[in-house]
Amino acid sequence: MRPEQARLRRLKRLERVRAIARQDAARAAASAESSLTQLLGLARRTEAMTHDYCGRTGMTDALALAQHHAFLTGLTGIHAATSGDAAQARARADRMQGELALAERRRAAVEDRARAEQRQLTQRRLPQALGARRAVGTGLD
């Protein structure tokens, strides 16, 4: 096998490897987006519950009021933790999207190199045209 053909085979193999890496990055990005969506939904629900329980006024004694306050404090803490987790999930999802874009650029670069190598190999196989006519005269004509 000629060196040009071996180089083309290596480039095609590298392109397949980069395509697999891109698929893995896409899977990771989809998983991160799914986690983000779930956490955002949970944060919205806990926020809605907090607002709903803040408006309740049916406490008849101090014990009920203390229990209501303790429940609201716990619910507010859950909402804060969930919002923090959602922010971390958003950062992870953004990072995974960046890695996916990088993987795609790497795959596309190898694909372009393989296509260029294939074109060069094809052009070498074509019969060469006989010498071109020499220019006659000056460049001012």
N, C-alpha and C. Protein backbone atom coordinates (compact mmCIF):
# COMPACT_ATOMS: atom_id res chain seq x y z
N MET A 1 0.85 -1.18 0.00
CA MET A 1 0.00 0.00 0.00
C MET A 1 0.89 1.24 0.00
N ARG A 2 0.53 2.18 -0.83
CA ARG A 2 1.30 3.41 -0.94
C ARG A 2 1.09 4.29 0.30
N PRO A 3 2.06 5.14 0.58
CA PRO A 3 1.94 6.00 1.77
C PRO A 3 0.71 6.90 1.74
N GLU A 4 0.31 7.36 0.55
CA GLU A 4 -0.86 8.24 0.46
C GLU A 4 -2.13 7.49 0.86
N GLN A 5 -2.22 6.24 0.41
CA GLN A 5 -3.40 5.44 0.76
C GLN A 5 -3.40 5.10 2.25
N ALA A 6 -2.24 4.81 2.78
CA ALA A 6 -2.15 4.52 4.22
C ALA A 6 -2.55 5.75 5.02
N ARG A 7 -2.12 6.91 4.58
CA ARG A 7 -2.49 8.16 5.27
C ARG A 7 -4.00 8.36 5.21
N LEU A 8 -4.60 8.10 4.06
CA LEU A 8 -6.05 8.25 3.92
C LEU A 8 -6.78 7.28 4.85
N ARG A 9 -6.29 6.04 4.93
CA ARG A 9 -6.93 5.07 5.83
C ARG A 9 -6.83 5.53 7.28
N ARG A 10 -5.67 6.06 7.67
CA ARG A 10 -5.50 6.56 9.04
C ARG A 10 -6.45 7.72 9.32
N LEU A 11 -6.58 8.62 8.35
CA LEU A 11 -7.50 9.76 8.53
C LEU A 11 -8.94 9.30 8.66
N LYS A 12 -9.33 8.31 7.87
CA LYS A 12 -10.71 7.80 7.96
C LYS A 12 -10.95 7.11 9.31
N ARG A 13 -9.94 6.38 9.79
CA ARG A 13 -10.06 5.76 11.10
C ARG A 13 -10.17 6.82 12.19
N LEU A 14 -9.35 7.86 12.08
CA LEU A 14 -9.41 8.96 13.05
C LEU A 14 -10.77 9.65 12.99
N GLU A 15 -11.32 9.79 11.80
CA GLU A 15 -12.65 10.40 11.66
C GLU A 15 -13.70 9.56 12.37
N ARG A 16 -13.62 8.24 12.25
CA ARG A 16 -14.58 7.37 12.95
C ARG A 16 -14.43 7.51 14.46
N VAL A 17 -13.18 7.59 14.93
CA VAL A 17 -12.95 7.75 16.37
C VAL A 17 -13.53 9.08 16.85
N ARG A 18 -13.31 10.13 16.07
CA ARG A 18 -13.85 11.44 16.46
C ARG A 18 -15.38 11.45 16.40
N ALA A 19 -15.97 10.71 15.48
CA ALA A 19 -17.43 10.63 15.41
C ALA A 19 -17.98 9.93 16.66
N ILE A 20 -17.28 8.90 17.12
CA ILE A 20 -17.71 8.21 18.35
C ILE A 20 -17.57 9.14 19.55
N ALA A 21 -16.49 9.90 19.59
CA ALA A 21 -16.29 10.86 20.69
C ALA A 21 -17.39 11.92 20.66
N ARG A 22 -17.79 12.34 19.48
CA ARG A 22 -18.87 13.32 19.34
C ARG A 22 -20.19 12.73 19.86
N GLN A 23 -20.45 11.46 19.54
CA GLN A 23 -21.67 10.82 20.03
C GLN A 23 -21.66 10.73 21.56
N ASP A 24 -20.52 10.40 22.13
CA ASP A 24 -20.42 10.36 23.59
C ASP A 24 -20.67 11.74 24.20
N ALA A 25 -20.10 12.76 23.58
CA ALA A 25 -20.31 14.13 24.07
C ALA A 25 -21.78 14.53 23.94
N ALA A 26 -22.43 14.10 22.86
CA ALA A 26 -23.85 14.41 22.68
C ALA A 26 -24.69 13.71 23.74
N ARG A 27 -24.34 12.47 24.05
CA ARG A 27 -25.06 11.74 25.10
C ARG A 27 -24.90 12.43 26.45
N ALA A 28 -23.69 12.84 26.77
CA ALA A 28 -23.43 13.52 28.04
C ALA A 28 -24.16 14.86 28.10
N ALA A 29 -24.19 15.59 26.99
CA ALA A 29 -24.89 16.88 26.96
C ALA A 29 -26.39 16.67 27.13
N ALA A 30 -26.94 15.64 26.50
CA ALA A 30 -28.37 15.36 26.65
C ALA A 30 -28.71 14.99 28.09
N SER A 31 -27.86 14.21 28.71
CA SER A 31 -28.07 13.84 30.11
C SER A 31 -28.02 15.07 31.02
N ALA A 32 -27.07 15.95 30.77
CA ALA A 32 -26.96 17.17 31.58
C ALA A 32 -28.17 18.07 31.38
N GLU A 33 -28.65 18.17 30.15
CA GLU A 33 -29.85 18.98 29.87
C GLU A 33 -31.08 18.38 30.56
N SER A 34 -31.17 17.06 30.57
CA SER A 34 -32.30 16.39 31.23
C SER A 34 -32.28 16.67 32.73
N SER A 35 -31.10 16.54 33.34
CA SER A 35 -30.98 16.83 34.78
C SER A 35 -31.33 18.28 35.07
N LEU A 36 -30.87 19.17 34.23
CA LEU A 36 -31.18 20.59 34.42
C LEU A 36 -32.69 20.82 34.36
N THR A 37 -33.35 20.23 33.38
CA THR A 37 -34.80 20.40 33.24
C THR A 37 -35.53 19.89 34.47
N GLN A 38 -35.13 18.74 34.97
CA GLN A 38 -35.77 18.18 36.16
C GLN A 38 -35.55 19.07 37.37
N LEU A 39 -34.34 19.55 37.55
CA LEU A 39 -34.05 20.40 38.71
C LEU A 39 -34.76 21.74 38.61
N LEU A 40 -34.87 22.29 37.42
CA LEU A 40 -35.60 23.56 37.27
C LEU A 40 -37.08 23.36 37.59
N GLY A 41 -37.64 22.26 37.15
CA GLY A 41 -39.04 21.96 37.48
C GLY A 41 -39.24 21.80 38.98
N LEU A 42 -38.33 21.11 39.62
CA LEU A 42 -38.42 20.92 41.07
C LEU A 42 -38.27 22.26 41.80
N ALA A 43 -37.36 23.10 41.33
CA ALA A 43 -37.18 24.42 41.96
C ALA A 43 -38.45 25.27 41.80
N ARG A 44 -39.07 25.20 40.63
CA ARG A 44 -40.33 25.96 40.44
C ARG A 44 -41.44 25.44 41.35
N ARG A 45 -41.52 24.12 41.50
CA ARG A 45 -42.57 23.56 42.37
C ARG A 45 -42.34 23.93 43.83
N THR A 46 -41.10 23.86 44.30
CA THR A 46 -40.86 24.21 45.70
C THR A 46 -41.08 25.70 45.93
N GLU A 47 -40.77 26.52 44.93
CA GLU A 47 -41.03 27.96 45.07
C GLU A 47 -42.53 28.22 45.12
N ALA A 48 -43.29 27.53 44.30
CA ALA A 48 -44.75 27.70 44.31
C ALA A 48 -45.34 27.24 45.64
N MET A 49 -44.81 26.13 46.16
CA MET A 49 -45.30 25.65 47.46
C MET A 49 -44.99 26.65 48.56
N THR A 50 -43.81 27.23 48.52
CA THR A 50 -43.42 28.21 49.53
C THR A 50 -44.35 29.41 49.49
N HIS A 51 -44.63 29.91 48.29
CA HIS A 51 -45.54 31.05 48.17
C HIS A 51 -46.96 30.68 48.62
N ASP A 52 -47.37 29.46 48.32
CA ASP A 52 -48.71 29.01 48.71
C ASP A 52 -48.82 28.94 50.23
N TYR A 53 -47.82 28.36 50.88
CA TYR A 53 -47.88 28.22 52.33
C TYR A 53 -47.65 29.54 53.06
N CYS A 54 -46.98 30.49 52.43
CA CYS A 54 -46.80 31.80 53.06
C CYS A 54 -48.13 32.52 53.23
N GLY A 55 -49.05 32.29 52.34
CA GLY A 55 -50.33 33.00 52.36
C GLY A 55 -51.36 32.39 53.31
N ARG A 56 -51.07 31.27 53.91
CA ARG A 56 -52.05 30.64 54.80
C ARG A 56 -52.11 31.37 56.14
N THR A 57 -53.34 31.58 56.60
CA THR A 57 -53.52 32.35 57.85
C THR A 57 -54.44 31.64 58.83
N GLY A 58 -54.71 30.37 58.68
CA GLY A 58 -55.68 29.68 59.52
C GLY A 58 -55.14 29.12 60.82
N MET A 59 -54.06 29.66 61.36
CA MET A 59 -53.51 29.14 62.61
C MET A 59 -54.34 29.67 63.79
N THR A 60 -54.70 28.76 64.70
CA THR A 60 -55.56 29.14 65.82
C THR A 60 -54.79 29.35 67.12
N ASP A 61 -53.57 28.79 67.21
CA ASP A 61 -52.80 28.97 68.44
C ASP A 61 -51.31 29.09 68.10
N ALA A 62 -50.51 29.31 69.13
CA ALA A 62 -49.08 29.55 68.93
C ALA A 62 -48.36 28.30 68.44
N LEU A 63 -48.83 27.11 68.87
CA LEU A 63 -48.20 25.88 68.43
C LEU A 63 -48.36 25.71 66.92
N ALA A 64 -49.57 25.95 66.42
CA ALA A 64 -49.82 25.82 64.98
C ALA A 64 -48.98 26.85 64.21
N LEU A 65 -48.87 28.06 64.76
CA LEU A 65 -48.06 29.08 64.11
C LEU A 65 -46.59 28.69 64.09
N ALA A 66 -46.08 28.13 65.19
CA ALA A 66 -44.68 27.70 65.27
C ALA A 66 -44.42 26.55 64.29
N GLN A 67 -45.35 25.60 64.21
CA GLN A 67 -45.20 24.49 63.27
C GLN A 67 -45.23 24.99 61.83
N HIS A 68 -46.12 25.93 61.56
CA HIS A 68 -46.21 26.50 60.22
C HIS A 68 -44.91 27.21 59.86
N HIS A 69 -44.36 27.97 60.80
CA HIS A 69 -43.11 28.68 60.56
C HIS A 69 -41.95 27.70 60.33
N ALA A 70 -41.89 26.64 61.13
CA ALA A 70 -40.84 25.63 60.97
C ALA A 70 -40.96 24.94 59.61
N PHE A 71 -42.19 24.64 59.20
CA PHE A 71 -42.41 24.01 57.90
C PHE A 71 -41.96 24.94 56.78
N LEU A 72 -42.33 26.22 56.87
CA LEU A 72 -41.94 27.19 55.85
C LEU A 72 -40.42 27.36 55.80
N THR A 73 -39.78 27.35 56.95
CA THR A 73 -38.33 27.48 56.99
C THR A 73 -37.68 26.28 56.29
N GLY A 74 -38.16 25.10 56.56
CA GLY A 74 -37.64 23.90 55.90
C GLY A 74 -37.89 23.92 54.40
N LEU A 75 -39.09 24.34 54.01
CA LEU A 75 -39.44 24.41 52.59
C LEU A 75 -38.59 25.45 51.87
N THR A 76 -38.31 26.57 52.54
CA THR A 76 -37.45 27.59 51.96
C THR A 76 -36.03 27.05 51.79
N GLY A 77 -35.56 26.29 52.75
CA GLY A 77 -34.24 25.67 52.64
C GLY A 77 -34.17 24.67 51.49
N ILE A 78 -35.23 23.89 51.32
CA ILE A 78 -35.28 22.94 50.20
C ILE A 78 -35.25 23.69 48.88
N HIS A 79 -36.02 24.79 48.81
CA HIS A 79 -36.04 25.58 47.58
C HIS A 79 -34.66 26.17 47.28
N ALA A 80 -33.98 26.67 48.32
CA ALA A 80 -32.64 27.24 48.11
C ALA A 80 -31.66 26.17 47.64
N ALA A 81 -31.72 24.99 48.25
CA ALA A 81 -30.83 23.90 47.84
C ALA A 81 -31.11 23.46 46.41
N THR A 82 -32.37 23.37 46.08
CA THR A 82 -32.76 22.95 44.72
C THR A 82 -32.34 24.00 43.70
N SER A 83 -32.50 25.25 44.03
CA SER A 83 -32.06 26.32 43.12
C SER A 83 -30.55 26.29 42.92
N GLY A 84 -29.82 26.02 43.98
CA GLY A 84 -28.37 25.90 43.87
C GLY A 84 -27.97 24.71 43.00
N ASP A 85 -28.66 23.59 43.20
CA ASP A 85 -28.39 22.42 42.37
C ASP A 85 -28.72 22.71 40.90
N ALA A 86 -29.78 23.45 40.66
CA ALA A 86 -30.15 23.80 39.29
C ALA A 86 -29.09 24.71 38.66
N ALA A 87 -28.52 25.61 39.45
CA ALA A 87 -27.46 26.48 38.92
C ALA A 87 -26.22 25.66 38.57
N GLN A 88 -25.88 24.70 39.41
CA GLN A 88 -24.74 23.82 39.10
C GLN A 88 -25.04 22.98 37.87
N ALA A 89 -26.27 22.50 37.75
CA ALA A 89 -26.66 21.70 36.59
C ALA A 89 -26.61 22.54 35.31
N ARG A 90 -26.98 23.81 35.42
CA ARG A 90 -26.91 24.70 34.25
C ARG A 90 -25.45 24.89 33.82
N ALA A 91 -24.56 25.07 34.79
CA ALA A 91 -23.14 25.22 34.46
C ALA A 91 -22.60 23.95 33.81
N ARG A 92 -23.00 22.80 34.34
CA ARG A 92 -22.56 21.52 33.76
C ARG A 92 -23.12 21.34 32.36
N ALA A 93 -24.38 21.68 32.17
CA ALA A 93 -24.99 21.55 30.84
C ALA A 93 -24.31 22.47 29.84
N ASP A 94 -23.97 23.69 30.26
CA ASP A 94 -23.25 24.61 29.38
C ASP A 94 -21.87 24.06 29.03
N ARG A 95 -21.20 23.49 30.03
CA ARG A 95 -19.88 22.92 29.79
C ARG A 95 -19.97 21.73 28.82
N MET A 96 -21.00 20.90 28.99
CA MET A 96 -21.18 19.76 28.10
C MET A 96 -21.51 20.20 26.68
N GLN A 97 -22.26 21.28 26.54
CA GLN A 97 -22.55 21.80 25.20
C GLN A 97 -21.27 22.30 24.55
N GLY A 98 -20.41 22.92 25.33
CA GLY A 98 -19.12 23.37 24.80
C GLY A 98 -18.25 22.20 24.37
N GLU A 99 -18.26 21.13 25.16
CA GLU A 99 -17.49 19.94 24.80
C GLU A 99 -18.06 19.29 23.54
N LEU A 100 -19.37 19.32 23.41
CA LEU A 100 -20.00 18.78 22.20
C LEU A 100 -19.59 19.58 20.97
N ALA A 101 -19.59 20.90 21.09
CA ALA A 101 -19.18 21.75 19.97
C ALA A 101 -17.72 21.49 19.61
N LEU A 102 -16.87 21.33 20.62
CA LEU A 102 -15.46 21.05 20.37
C LEU A 102 -15.29 19.70 19.67
N ALA A 103 -16.02 18.69 20.13
CA ALA A 103 -15.94 17.37 19.50
C ALA A 103 -16.39 17.44 18.05
N GLU A 104 -17.43 18.21 17.78
CA GLU A 104 -17.90 18.35 16.39
C GLU A 104 -16.86 19.06 15.53
N ARG A 105 -16.23 20.10 16.07
CA ARG A 105 -15.19 20.80 15.30
C ARG A 105 -14.01 19.87 15.00
N ARG A 106 -13.62 19.06 15.98
CA ARG A 106 -12.53 18.12 15.76
C ARG A 106 -12.89 17.09 14.69
N ARG A 107 -14.11 16.58 14.76
CA ARG A 107 -14.55 15.60 13.77
C ARG A 107 -14.60 16.23 12.38
N ALA A 108 -15.12 17.43 12.29
CA ALA A 108 -15.22 18.11 11.00
C ALA A 108 -13.84 18.41 10.43
N ALA A 109 -12.88 18.76 11.28
CA ALA A 109 -11.52 19.05 10.81
C ALA A 109 -10.89 17.81 10.21
N VAL A 110 -11.06 16.66 10.89
CA VAL A 110 -10.50 15.43 10.36
C VAL A 110 -11.22 15.04 9.07
N GLU A 111 -12.52 15.26 9.03
CA GLU A 111 -13.28 14.96 7.80
C GLU A 111 -12.77 15.80 6.64
N ASP A 112 -12.52 17.08 6.89
CA ASP A 112 -12.00 17.95 5.84
C ASP A 112 -10.62 17.49 5.38
N ARG A 113 -9.77 17.11 6.32
CA ARG A 113 -8.45 16.62 5.95
C ARG A 113 -8.54 15.34 5.13
N ALA A 114 -9.45 14.44 5.49
CA ALA A 114 -9.63 13.20 4.75
C ALA A 114 -10.14 13.48 3.34
N ARG A 115 -11.07 14.41 3.21
CA ARG A 115 -11.58 14.77 1.87
C ARG A 115 -10.48 15.38 1.02
N ALA A 116 -9.67 16.24 1.60
CA ALA A 116 -8.57 16.86 0.85
C ALA A 116 -7.57 15.79 0.41
N GLU A 117 -7.26 14.86 1.29
CA GLU A 117 -6.35 13.77 0.94
C GLU A 117 -6.93 12.91 -0.18
N GLN A 118 -8.24 12.64 -0.10
CA GLN A 118 -8.90 11.86 -1.15
C GLN A 118 -8.85 12.59 -2.49
N ARG A 119 -9.07 13.91 -2.47
CA ARG A 119 -9.00 14.69 -3.71
C ARG A 119 -7.59 14.64 -4.29
N GLN A 120 -6.60 14.79 -3.45
CA GLN A 120 -5.22 14.74 -3.93
C GLN A 120 -4.89 13.37 -4.53
N LEU A 121 -5.36 12.33 -3.86
CA LEU A 121 -5.11 10.98 -4.36
C LEU A 121 -5.81 10.76 -5.70
N THR A 122 -7.02 11.26 -5.83
CA THR A 122 -7.76 11.14 -7.08
C THR A 122 -7.08 11.93 -8.19
N GLN A 123 -6.60 13.12 -7.89
CA GLN A 123 -5.93 13.93 -8.90
C GLN A 123 -4.62 13.29 -9.36
N ARG A 124 -3.94 12.61 -8.47
CA ARG A 124 -2.70 11.94 -8.86
C ARG A 124 -2.96 10.78 -9.82
N ARG A 125 -4.14 10.17 -9.69
CA ARG A 125 -4.48 9.04 -10.56
C ARG A 125 -4.90 9.48 -11.95
N LEU A 126 -5.35 10.73 -12.09
CA LEU A 126 -5.77 11.23 -13.39
C LEU A 126 -4.56 11.40 -14.30
N PRO A 127 -4.74 11.16 -15.59
CA PRO A 127 -3.60 11.36 -16.50
C PRO A 127 -3.25 12.85 -16.54
N GLN A 128 -1.97 13.10 -16.57
CA GLN A 128 -1.50 14.48 -16.58
C GLN A 128 -1.64 15.06 -17.99
N ALA A 129 -2.08 16.29 -18.05
CA ALA A 129 -2.17 16.97 -19.33
C ALA A 129 -0.77 17.27 -19.82
N LEU A 130 -0.63 17.26 -21.13
CA LEU A 130 0.67 17.57 -21.69
C LEU A 130 0.99 19.02 -21.39
N GLY A 131 2.23 19.38 -21.48
CA GLY A 131 2.69 20.70 -21.10
C GLY A 131 1.85 21.83 -21.69
N ALA A 132 1.67 22.84 -20.92
CA ALA A 132 0.90 23.99 -21.36
C ALA A 132 1.73 24.83 -22.32
N ARG A 133 1.04 25.61 -23.10
CA ARG A 133 1.76 26.49 -24.04
C ARG A 133 2.50 27.56 -23.26
N ARG A 134 3.66 27.86 -23.77
CA ARG A 134 4.43 28.92 -23.13
C ARG A 134 3.84 30.25 -23.51
N ALA A 135 3.88 31.16 -22.59
CA ALA A 135 3.37 32.49 -22.86
C ALA A 135 4.27 33.19 -23.87
N VAL A 136 3.63 33.87 -24.78
CA VAL A 136 4.37 34.59 -25.78
C VAL A 136 4.11 36.07 -25.58
N GLY A 137 5.10 36.85 -25.68
CA GLY A 137 4.92 38.30 -25.53
C GLY A 137 5.20 38.74 -24.11
N THR A 138 4.73 39.93 -23.79
CA THR A 138 4.95 40.50 -22.48
C THR A 138 3.65 40.50 -21.69
N GLY A 139 3.73 40.80 -20.45
CA GLY A 139 2.54 40.88 -19.61
C GLY A 139 1.70 42.09 -19.92
N LEU A 140 2.16 42.98 -20.78
CA LEU A 140 1.44 44.19 -21.10
C LEU A 140 0.46 43.99 -22.22
N ASP A 141 0.51 42.85 -22.91
CA ASP A 141 -0.37 42.61 -24.07
C ASP A 141 -1.80 42.44 -23.68
